[in-house]
Structure formats: structure tokens, C-alpha cells
Protein backbone atom coordinates (compact mmCIF):
# COMPACT_ATOMS: atom_id res chain seq x y z
CA MET A 1 25.21 26.14 17.00
CA GLN A 2 25.37 26.55 13.22
CA PRO A 3 22.63 24.69 11.26
CA ASP A 4 25.05 22.07 9.93
CA ALA A 5 27.39 21.88 12.91
CA HIS A 6 26.17 18.35 13.68
CA LEU A 7 27.57 17.05 10.39
CA PRO A 8 31.02 15.45 10.23
CA PRO A 9 33.61 17.65 8.43
CA SER A 10 33.77 15.24 5.49
CA TRP A 11 30.07 15.69 4.65
CA SER A 12 28.67 18.46 2.51
CA LYS A 13 26.39 21.14 3.92
CA THR A 14 23.68 20.59 1.31
CA PRO A 15 20.40 19.84 3.15
CA GLY A 16 19.06 16.35 2.57
CA ARG A 17 22.04 15.21 0.56
CA ASN A 18 24.14 12.27 1.58
CA ARG A 19 27.21 13.34 -0.36
CA ARG A 20 30.68 13.06 1.10
CA ARG A 21 33.68 14.93 -0.24
CA SER A 22 36.82 12.93 -0.93
CA SER A 23 40.31 14.38 -0.97
CA LEU A 24 39.85 14.92 -4.72
CA ALA A 25 36.46 16.63 -4.22
CA ARG A 26 34.71 13.75 -5.98
CA PRO A 27 31.08 13.58 -4.80
CA ARG A 28 29.98 10.36 -3.15
CA VAL A 29 26.76 8.85 -4.49
CA TYR A 30 24.65 6.85 -2.04
CA LEU A 31 22.63 4.10 -3.74
CA ASP A 32 22.07 1.79 -0.78
CA TRP A 33 18.80 3.18 0.58
CA ASN A 34 17.32 -0.29 1.16
CA ALA A 35 20.10 -0.92 3.68
CA THR A 36 19.42 2.31 5.54
CA THR A 37 18.41 5.89 4.84
CA PRO A 38 19.81 9.24 5.91
CA LEU A 39 18.20 10.67 9.02
CA ARG A 40 15.45 13.10 8.06
CA ASP A 41 15.69 16.63 9.43
CA GLU A 42 12.27 16.25 11.03
CA ALA A 43 13.38 13.11 12.86
CA ARG A 44 16.56 14.78 14.07
CA VAL A 45 14.59 17.72 15.46
CA ALA A 46 12.15 15.40 17.24
CA MET A 47 14.98 13.35 18.72
CA LEU A 48 16.86 16.40 19.97
CA ALA A 49 13.69 17.59 21.69
CA ALA A 50 13.21 14.14 23.25
CA MET A 51 16.77 14.24 24.58
CA ASP A 52 15.76 17.20 26.72
CA THR A 53 12.81 15.28 28.18
CA VAL A 54 13.97 13.87 31.49
CA GLY A 55 11.02 11.73 32.61
CA ASN A 56 10.45 7.99 32.38
CA PRO A 57 7.28 7.46 30.31
CA SER A 58 5.93 5.08 32.97
CA SER A 59 6.18 7.71 35.73
CA VAL A 60 3.03 9.56 36.75
CA HIS A 61 4.58 12.96 37.51
CA ALA A 62 4.70 15.83 35.03
CA GLU A 63 8.09 14.87 33.62
CA GLY A 64 6.94 11.30 33.07
CA ARG A 65 3.73 12.45 31.43
CA GLN A 66 5.74 14.61 29.05
CA ALA A 67 7.82 11.61 27.99
CA ARG A 68 4.66 9.52 27.68
CA ARG A 69 3.14 12.15 25.42
CA LEU A 70 6.12 11.89 23.05
CA VAL A 71 5.74 8.11 22.88
CA GLU A 72 1.98 8.22 22.31
CA ASP A 73 2.18 10.97 19.69
CA ALA A 74 4.71 8.85 17.80
CA ARG A 75 2.53 5.76 18.22
CA ALA A 76 -0.38 7.60 16.62
CA ALA A 77 1.82 8.77 13.72
CA VAL A 78 3.18 5.28 13.04
CA ALA A 79 -0.32 3.80 13.25
CA ALA A 80 -1.65 6.35 10.78
CA ALA A 81 1.14 5.50 8.33
CA VAL A 82 -0.18 1.93 8.05
CA GLY A 83 -3.92 2.53 8.49
CA ALA A 84 -4.06 1.14 12.03
CA GLU A 85 -5.18 2.36 15.44
CA ALA A 86 -2.57 3.54 17.93
CA ARG A 87 -3.42 0.74 20.36
CA GLN A 88 -2.28 -1.80 17.76
CA VAL A 89 1.32 -0.52 17.60
CA VAL A 90 3.99 -2.18 19.77
CA PHE A 91 7.38 -0.47 19.59
CA THR A 92 10.42 -2.76 19.27
CA SER A 93 14.15 -2.46 18.71
CA GLY A 94 13.69 -2.90 14.96
CA GLY A 95 12.24 -5.07 12.21
CA THR A 96 14.03 -8.22 13.34
CA GLU A 97 12.56 -8.10 16.83
CA ALA A 98 9.14 -7.35 15.39
CA ASN A 99 9.41 -10.43 13.17
CA VAL A 100 10.52 -12.69 16.01
CA MET A 101 7.74 -11.34 18.25
CA ALA A 102 5.14 -12.09 15.57
CA LEU A 103 6.29 -15.62 14.74
CA VAL A 104 5.05 -17.54 17.79
CA PRO A 105 2.86 -20.65 18.13
CA GLY A 106 -0.48 -20.28 19.85
CA ILE A 107 -1.48 -16.94 18.37
CA GLY A 108 -4.94 -16.74 16.86
CA ARG A 109 -8.07 -14.71 16.29
CA LYS A 110 -10.30 -14.29 19.29
CA GLY A 111 -12.60 -17.31 19.43
CA SER A 112 -10.68 -19.25 16.73
CA ALA A 113 -8.17 -22.10 16.88
CA PRO A 114 -4.59 -20.93 17.45
CA VAL A 115 -1.88 -21.56 14.88
CA GLN A 116 0.54 -24.42 15.49
CA ARG A 117 2.66 -24.37 12.34
CA LEU A 118 4.53 -21.80 10.31
CA ILE A 119 4.89 -21.35 6.55
CA VAL A 120 7.34 -18.78 5.19
CA SER A 121 8.19 -17.80 1.64
CA ALA A 122 11.59 -18.81 0.31
CA VAL A 123 12.68 -15.18 -0.14
CA GLU A 124 12.11 -13.87 3.39
CA HIS A 125 14.47 -11.87 5.59
CA PRO A 126 16.84 -14.11 7.64
CA SER A 127 14.94 -13.29 10.84
CA VAL A 128 11.83 -14.87 9.29
CA MET A 129 13.69 -17.78 7.70
CA ALA A 130 14.92 -18.62 11.22
CA ALA A 131 11.24 -19.30 12.13
CA GLY A 132 11.01 -16.97 15.12
CA ARG A 133 9.79 -18.88 18.17
CA PHE A 134 8.45 -21.87 16.24
CA PRO A 135 10.36 -25.16 16.54
CA SER A 136 12.15 -25.96 13.29
CA GLU A 137 10.03 -29.07 12.71
CA ALA A 138 6.88 -26.92 12.68
CA ALA A 139 8.14 -24.63 9.89
CA THR A 140 7.96 -25.16 6.13
CA VAL A 141 8.85 -23.07 3.10
CA VAL A 142 6.61 -22.13 0.19
CA ALA A 143 8.42 -21.79 -3.12
CA VAL A 144 8.46 -18.74 -5.39
CA ASP A 145 8.59 -18.33 -9.17
CA ARG A 146 11.37 -16.85 -11.32
CA ASN A 147 10.38 -13.37 -10.20
CA GLY A 148 10.44 -14.31 -6.52
CA VAL A 149 6.65 -14.19 -6.22
CA VAL A 150 4.60 -16.66 -4.19
CA ASP A 151 2.00 -18.67 -6.10
CA PRO A 152 -1.28 -18.47 -4.11
CA ALA A 153 -2.41 -21.81 -5.58
CA HIS A 154 0.73 -23.55 -4.28
CA LEU A 155 0.19 -21.95 -0.90
CA ARG A 156 -3.41 -23.17 -0.86
CA SER A 157 -2.23 -26.75 -1.37
CA MET A 158 0.19 -26.42 1.55
CA LEU A 159 -2.56 -25.12 3.82
CA ALA A 160 -5.13 -27.76 2.86
CA GLY A 161 -5.91 -30.48 5.37
CA GLY A 162 -3.55 -29.33 8.10
CA SER A 163 -3.85 -27.44 11.36
CA PRO A 164 -4.18 -23.63 11.19
CA ALA A 165 -0.94 -21.98 10.07
CA LEU A 166 0.75 -18.64 10.45
CA VAL A 167 2.10 -17.63 7.05
CA SER A 168 4.83 -15.01 6.70
CA VAL A 169 5.25 -13.30 3.34
CA MET A 170 7.05 -9.98 2.94
CA LEU A 171 5.26 -7.26 1.02
CA ALA A 172 8.35 -6.02 -0.83
CA ASN A 173 11.55 -8.00 -1.14
CA ASN A 174 14.57 -6.27 0.33
CA GLU A 175 16.87 -7.46 -2.46
CA THR A 176 14.82 -7.47 -5.68
CA GLY A 177 12.06 -5.07 -4.69
CA ALA A 178 9.47 -7.57 -6.00
CA LEU A 179 5.98 -7.04 -4.60
CA GLN A 180 3.85 -9.96 -3.44
CA PRO A 181 0.09 -10.28 -4.24
CA ILE A 182 -0.69 -9.85 -0.56
CA VAL A 183 -4.47 -9.52 -0.91
CA ASP A 184 -4.69 -12.79 -2.87
CA ILE A 185 -2.37 -14.50 -0.40
CA ALA A 186 -4.38 -13.19 2.56
CA HIS A 187 -7.61 -14.56 1.06
CA VAL A 188 -6.09 -18.04 0.68
CA ILE A 189 -4.72 -18.01 4.24
CA HIS A 190 -7.89 -16.76 5.91
CA GLU A 191 -10.01 -19.20 3.92
CA ALA A 192 -7.94 -21.98 5.52
CA GLY A 193 -8.31 -20.52 9.01
CA GLY A 194 -4.75 -19.20 9.20
CA LEU A 195 -3.07 -15.88 9.91
CA LEU A 196 -0.87 -13.65 7.76
CA HIS A 197 2.28 -11.93 8.98
CA VAL A 198 3.84 -9.40 6.61
CA ASP A 199 7.34 -8.01 6.89
CA ALA A 200 6.74 -4.56 5.39
CA VAL A 201 10.07 -3.05 6.41
CA GLN A 202 11.02 -2.23 2.81
CA ALA A 203 7.53 -1.21 1.70
CA LEU A 204 6.80 1.48 4.29
CA GLY A 205 7.26 4.94 2.82
CA LYS A 206 7.71 3.65 -0.74
CA ILE A 207 4.25 2.38 -1.64
CA PRO A 208 0.79 2.84 -0.05
CA LEU A 209 0.40 0.55 2.96
CA ASN A 210 -2.83 -0.17 4.84
CA ILE A 211 -3.04 -3.14 7.17
CA ASN A 212 -6.82 -3.42 6.79
CA GLU A 213 -7.04 -3.05 3.02
CA LEU A 214 -4.32 -5.68 2.61
CA GLN A 215 -6.02 -7.97 5.19
CA ILE A 216 -2.82 -8.34 7.22
CA ASP A 217 -2.94 -9.80 10.74
CA LEU A 218 0.59 -8.90 11.89
CA LEU A 219 2.83 -6.25 10.32
CA SER A 220 6.53 -5.54 10.94
CA ILE A 221 8.09 -2.14 10.16
CA SER A 222 11.31 -0.28 10.95
CA ALA A 223 12.30 3.36 11.40
CA HIS A 224 15.68 3.52 9.69
CA LYS A 225 14.28 2.56 6.29
CA ILE A 226 12.16 5.74 6.17
CA GLY A 227 14.56 8.36 7.49
CA GLY A 228 14.17 7.56 11.17
CA PRO A 229 16.88 6.36 13.56
CA LYS A 230 18.36 2.88 13.67
CA GLY A 231 17.37 0.64 16.54
CA VAL A 232 13.61 1.18 16.63
CA GLY A 233 10.73 -0.52 14.85
CA ALA A 234 7.22 -1.74 15.50
CA LEU A 235 4.92 -4.71 15.32
CA VAL A 236 1.37 -3.77 14.36
CA VAL A 237 -1.11 -6.31 15.71
CA GLY A 238 -4.45 -6.93 14.03
CA ASP A 239 -7.44 -5.69 15.99
CA ARG A 240 -9.08 -9.11 16.38
CA LEU A 241 -5.95 -11.01 17.35
CA ALA A 242 -5.33 -12.78 20.67
CA GLY A 243 -1.59 -12.43 21.34
CA PRO A 244 1.20 -12.66 20.49
CA GLU A 245 2.85 -13.61 23.75
CA PRO A 246 5.53 -11.07 24.76
CA LEU A 247 9.07 -11.78 23.69
CA LEU A 248 10.41 -9.66 26.55
CA ARG A 249 8.71 -10.10 29.91
CA GLY A 250 8.96 -7.96 33.01
CA GLY A 251 7.19 -4.65 33.36
CA GLY A 252 3.89 -3.67 31.82
CA GLN A 253 5.21 -1.35 29.12
CA GLU A 254 3.75 -1.28 25.60
CA LEU A 255 0.30 -2.40 26.84
CA SER A 256 2.06 -5.38 28.51
CA ARG A 257 3.25 -6.63 25.12
CA ARG A 258 6.94 -5.71 25.49
CA ALA A 259 8.71 -5.14 28.79
CA GLY A 260 11.39 -2.49 29.26
CA THR A 261 11.55 1.27 29.37
CA GLU A 262 10.69 2.66 25.95
CA ASN A 263 13.36 4.15 23.71
CA VAL A 264 11.76 7.60 23.87
CA ILE A 265 14.37 9.31 21.69
CA GLY A 266 14.23 6.68 18.95
CA ILE A 267 10.44 6.42 19.07
CA ALA A 268 10.08 10.19 18.73
CA GLY A 269 12.29 10.07 15.64
CA PHE A 270 10.28 7.17 14.23
CA GLY A 271 7.02 9.08 14.61
CA ALA A 272 8.41 12.17 12.88
CA ALA A 273 9.85 10.11 10.02
CA ALA A 274 6.54 8.25 9.59
CA LYS A 275 4.69 11.50 9.05
CA VAL A 276 7.14 12.71 6.40
CA ALA A 277 7.40 9.33 4.67
CA THR A 278 3.64 9.06 4.30
CA ALA A 279 3.42 12.57 2.89
CA GLY A 280 6.26 11.81 0.45
CA LEU A 281 4.62 8.88 -1.33
CA ALA A 282 3.80 11.16 -4.27
CA GLN A 283 7.52 11.25 -5.09
CA ALA A 284 7.47 7.54 -6.00
CA ALA A 285 6.82 8.24 -9.69
CA ASP A 286 9.87 10.50 -9.94
CA ILE A 287 12.06 7.89 -8.24
CA ALA A 288 10.70 5.21 -10.58
CA LYS A 289 11.79 7.28 -13.59
CA LEU A 290 15.31 7.49 -12.19
CA ARG A 291 15.30 3.74 -11.62
CA GLU A 292 14.20 3.14 -15.21
CA LYS A 293 16.98 5.37 -16.50
CA LEU A 294 19.53 3.54 -14.38
CA GLU A 295 18.20 0.14 -15.38
CA SER A 296 18.27 1.05 -19.06
CA GLY A 297 21.90 2.09 -18.79
CA LEU A 298 22.89 -1.11 -17.02
CA ARG A 299 21.18 -3.22 -19.68
CA GLN A 300 23.41 -1.74 -22.37
CA HIS A 301 25.86 -4.42 -21.34
CA ASN A 302 24.31 -7.45 -23.04
CA ASP A 303 25.08 -9.91 -20.25
CA VAL A 304 23.26 -7.98 -17.52
CA ILE A 305 20.21 -9.62 -15.96
CA VAL A 306 17.77 -7.57 -13.89
CA PHE A 307 16.19 -9.91 -11.38
CA ALA A 308 12.40 -9.86 -10.91
CA ALA A 309 12.12 -7.54 -13.91
CA ASP A 310 8.77 -9.03 -14.90
CA ALA A 311 7.15 -8.54 -11.50
CA PRO A 312 5.71 -5.39 -9.94
CA ARG A 313 8.56 -3.86 -7.94
CA LEU A 314 9.33 -1.07 -5.54
CA PRO A 315 9.95 2.14 -7.50
CA ASN A 316 13.46 2.51 -6.10
CA THR A 317 15.08 -0.94 -6.35
CA ILE A 318 17.25 -2.74 -8.92
CA LEU A 319 18.98 -6.06 -8.33
CA PHE A 320 21.16 -7.02 -11.26
CA GLY A 321 23.86 -9.51 -12.07
CA ALA A 322 25.79 -11.07 -14.92
CA PRO A 323 27.59 -14.31 -15.62
CA GLY A 324 31.20 -14.01 -14.46
CA LEU A 325 30.53 -10.99 -12.23
CA ARG A 326 31.59 -11.37 -8.60
CA ALA A 327 29.57 -9.26 -6.21
CA GLU A 328 32.34 -8.70 -3.68
CA THR A 329 34.65 -7.32 -6.37
CA ALA A 330 31.92 -5.17 -7.88
CA VAL A 331 30.94 -3.61 -4.55
CA ILE A 332 34.57 -2.62 -3.93
CA GLY A 333 34.93 -1.35 -7.50
CA PHE A 334 31.87 0.86 -7.21
CA ASP A 335 33.05 2.12 -3.84
CA LEU A 336 36.41 3.14 -5.27
CA GLU A 337 34.51 5.05 -7.95
CA GLY A 338 32.55 6.90 -5.26
CA ILE A 339 29.33 4.88 -5.50
CA ALA A 340 27.86 3.13 -2.45
CA VAL A 341 26.00 -0.04 -3.50
CA SER A 342 25.45 -3.42 -1.87
CA SER A 343 25.40 -7.10 -2.65
CA GLY A 344 21.80 -8.05 -1.97
CA SER A 345 20.81 -7.77 1.68
CA ALA A 346 22.91 -5.81 4.17
CA CYS A 347 21.75 -8.04 7.05
CA SER A 348 24.60 -10.55 7.25
CA SER A 349 27.20 -8.76 9.36
CA GLY A 350 28.72 -7.06 6.35
CA LYS A 351 29.52 -10.33 4.60
CA VAL A 352 29.15 -10.63 0.84
CA GLN A 353 27.41 -13.95 0.33
CA PRO A 354 25.50 -15.70 -2.46
CA SER A 355 21.89 -14.53 -2.42
CA HIS A 356 19.38 -17.04 -1.04
CA VAL A 357 16.70 -14.93 -2.72
CA ILE A 358 18.16 -15.41 -6.20
CA GLU A 359 18.77 -19.07 -5.49
CA ALA A 360 15.12 -19.50 -4.48
CA MET A 361 14.12 -17.89 -7.78
CA GLY A 362 15.80 -20.74 -9.65
CA TYR A 363 19.10 -19.22 -10.73
CA GLY A 364 22.35 -21.15 -10.52
CA PRO A 365 25.47 -20.40 -8.44
CA GLU A 366 27.05 -18.30 -11.18
CA LEU A 367 24.32 -15.69 -10.85
CA THR A 368 23.59 -15.97 -7.13
CA ARG A 369 27.17 -14.82 -6.52
CA SER A 370 26.84 -11.88 -8.90
CA ALA A 371 23.85 -9.96 -7.51
CA ILE A 372 24.35 -6.21 -6.98
CA ARG A 373 21.61 -4.05 -5.48
CA LEU A 374 21.10 -0.41 -6.34
CA SER A 375 18.44 1.37 -4.29
CA LEU A 376 17.42 5.01 -4.62
CA GLY A 377 15.81 7.50 -2.26
CA TRP A 378 14.19 10.89 -1.91
CA SER A 379 17.37 12.89 -2.58
CA THR A 380 18.69 10.78 -5.49
CA THR A 381 19.22 12.92 -8.61
CA HIS A 382 19.78 12.47 -12.32
CA GLU A 383 23.41 13.37 -11.67
CA ASP A 384 23.68 10.47 -9.24
CA VAL A 385 22.34 8.09 -11.86
CA GLU A 386 24.76 9.43 -14.49
CA LEU A 387 27.72 9.04 -12.14
CA CYS A 388 26.69 5.48 -11.37
CA LEU A 389 26.37 4.59 -15.05
CA GLN A 390 29.75 6.15 -15.78
CA ALA A 391 31.27 4.01 -13.06
CA TRP A 392 29.53 0.91 -14.39
CA LYS A 393 30.72 1.58 -17.92
CA LYS A 394 34.26 1.86 -16.62
CA LEU A 395 34.03 -1.27 -14.46
CA ALA A 396 31.87 -3.64 -16.50
CA GLY A 397 34.49 -4.77 -18.96
CA SER A 398 36.93 -5.86 -16.28
CA LEU A 399 34.35 -7.17 -13.79
CA ILE A 400 32.36 -9.41 -16.13
CA LYS A 401 34.68 -12.19 -17.15
CA GLN A 402 33.02 -15.24 -18.59
CA SER A 403 34.92 -18.49 -18.78
CA ASP A 404 34.39 -20.71 -21.77
CA GLU A 405 34.73 -23.64 -19.38
CA THR A 406 31.77 -22.48 -17.27
CA GLU A 407 28.31 -23.44 -18.41
CA VAL A 408 26.05 -20.53 -17.47
CA GLU A 409 22.34 -21.03 -16.94
CA ARG A 410 20.46 -18.32 -18.84
CA PHE A 411 16.84 -17.29 -18.54
């Protein structure tokens, strides 16, 4: 087999590039890395090797032990990527399952009162906003400021005087890239006898991540955001935690925390991607420079607003909008110009909807319907940024149409 024989005919043979040739030989530019990333070569190699492993990882014969070794090697790699021990990692089908597994009443530290209520930030992923396995009446929402950041003092007031709570706050927002003050939040929660769950799906591989240094009790991560395959993730459980109760019951797989034969192929790819992603953190500064260049070019149109611009953000993420801009039209316009972008989160069955994140930040309907997300990755180049800005310059005049009859809330 030739080295690039696995690639579809429409894709270029340039290693690591996610460029597709059109009939006019126009290069495609992929700026939707927060939705998913290209599969890393290392992950592909690991997955192909796992495909040739015949055993069930729960079997005791040699073939089963070989499959088990692949799973455990990957578990160790994923644990190392977040500063945990291998025994703390429970493999799941992705970030959503990890979130739902974590959000369950009755979990607690060994010897401490279990949590009976849930508090989530207003900018969480839909799987967290749905409250997991908590009844809806036991869940409340903590507000965020104009940058989408939780105020620890407000959270402290919500925790005061009540039963112990599980609080879920994502480390990095999937739409804006805004980073939460997780250490400060953890201190407030633990002081009140509660637990902290962190959805770190977007943070892994982009910024340093250590479950102990950040004082996190439960951590959700996913493979396909770091160059691994889709359909596999993990919940990392704090060392002193009792629970959570399994979401899937049956066999004793995953240390009896998740029943079902492990996805050996996907897990092997996850482990390989975790090693590369951790080693690639040094590239963050270069990606941040590209983001700044892109952001500067977008701002040349006076009406453009970059959301969460005043907060610490992921080095690769821009969420912008403008009065009169319609996200669904802009996404199509960029696509026709060869640029893949998204309208906020890509987690709503492909639907372009007003952003609940921007709404929670205090912006009106005019801007919540306008949000466009650009997210960069390890193979993004200056040329990609230039092509995107050229497309924006071409599209902006026709896409941003303000009506004199519409009163626009400005910040």
C-alpha cells in the first residue's frame, strides 16, 4: 500500500494537512478544529495495529492479554496527559457520556456527605446543561459575566447554607475559548463541602492540564479533539472519590465502572493521540500568533465584535459576530469560498441556532444569531489565515446588513 493510499482521491497528499482540492484546484482551509480534528498519523498507526489484535481484552488467553495490553497502555498515556494515575481513567464513548456519567446524585468523597444537588455554569455544553442523572428540580445555573466567566463570589453565595453540591464548570468554553478560574472555583466549592466536575474536552492538548494542580474531582475529555478517533473519551475520577455509580451496568469492565467490551481500536488511537498532544503544547504560542493575526484582520470591519476578548482564552479560538450578520448565511458563504468554519458549537445535529453561550453573556438576539467560530490547529498556516481574511473581506459587505429599524445592543 502506498503511504497515502488511505486518503480519499479529493484530499491532498501533504502529510498533516487537511486540504481538499476542488475542481478549480482551490485549496480548502479547515478552521473548525474545535468541532473535530484530523486524525493524527500516530493515532492511525496505533489503530491499524489494534485492528490486527483479535482478542477480547477481558479474556485470559494470550490474544486477550495482548488486547488488554493495548487498552492499559492507552489508559496510562491518557492519565499522564492530565496528571492522573491510570486507575483513575474510565474509557467512555466520548465527552458527552463522560459528562453524564459524572453528573449523578450520591457521589462524594470517602467519609464525607454525598452531593444531592447540581450547579452548572450558564455556558456549559448541552450534555451538562441537561443535568446528567440529576432530577431537573435539583439543578440550578450559576450566571457568568460579559466574558462568559463564572464569578466565584456568586458561586459561593449559591453554595452557602445548602446541602453539598456537585458543581460543573468547563475549563475552556467550546464556543468562545474563554478559560475559567478553575483553581479559585475549586477552592470555593471544596470550602462548602462540594465537588467539582470539569468538562475539559476543549482544553486537552491546547493548554497545560493537571487534575491535581487544578483541584478537580471529576474530569471529562475526548479523543477526537486532540487528533484521536471519534467515539471515544474518558472520565477521570479523583483519587479520593466514592463513585460515581456506573451509567452502563453489566460486566465488570473498566474496573466495574462501565460495562461493555472496550473499544480497543478507538482507545489505542486515543492513547497515541494523547502522547502527541501533550508533547505538542509548546506549539500553542505559534497558534496564538496566528489567531491574533486573524482576529486583527476581522476587526478591520468596524462592526465586528470578538466575544470574550477580555478574558484569558484558548490560543486557537475566535468567536466573532456583528449586528446584522446571520450565522447560517455566513457559514455557507465561507464554505463557498473554501473555508470551513462553524456557528458556535457543532453539537446540535448540524443545526445553526442562536448561541446560548452568547445569550448567557448578556448579548441580545441580534448578536446571538450572528456568532461565527474560527478555530485553528497544529497544521494551520499563515496562508490559511490570509485566505480566510480574503474571504471575509469579500463577504463582509454583503453579509453585514444593519437595519435602521433595528435597535442593536452594543457593548
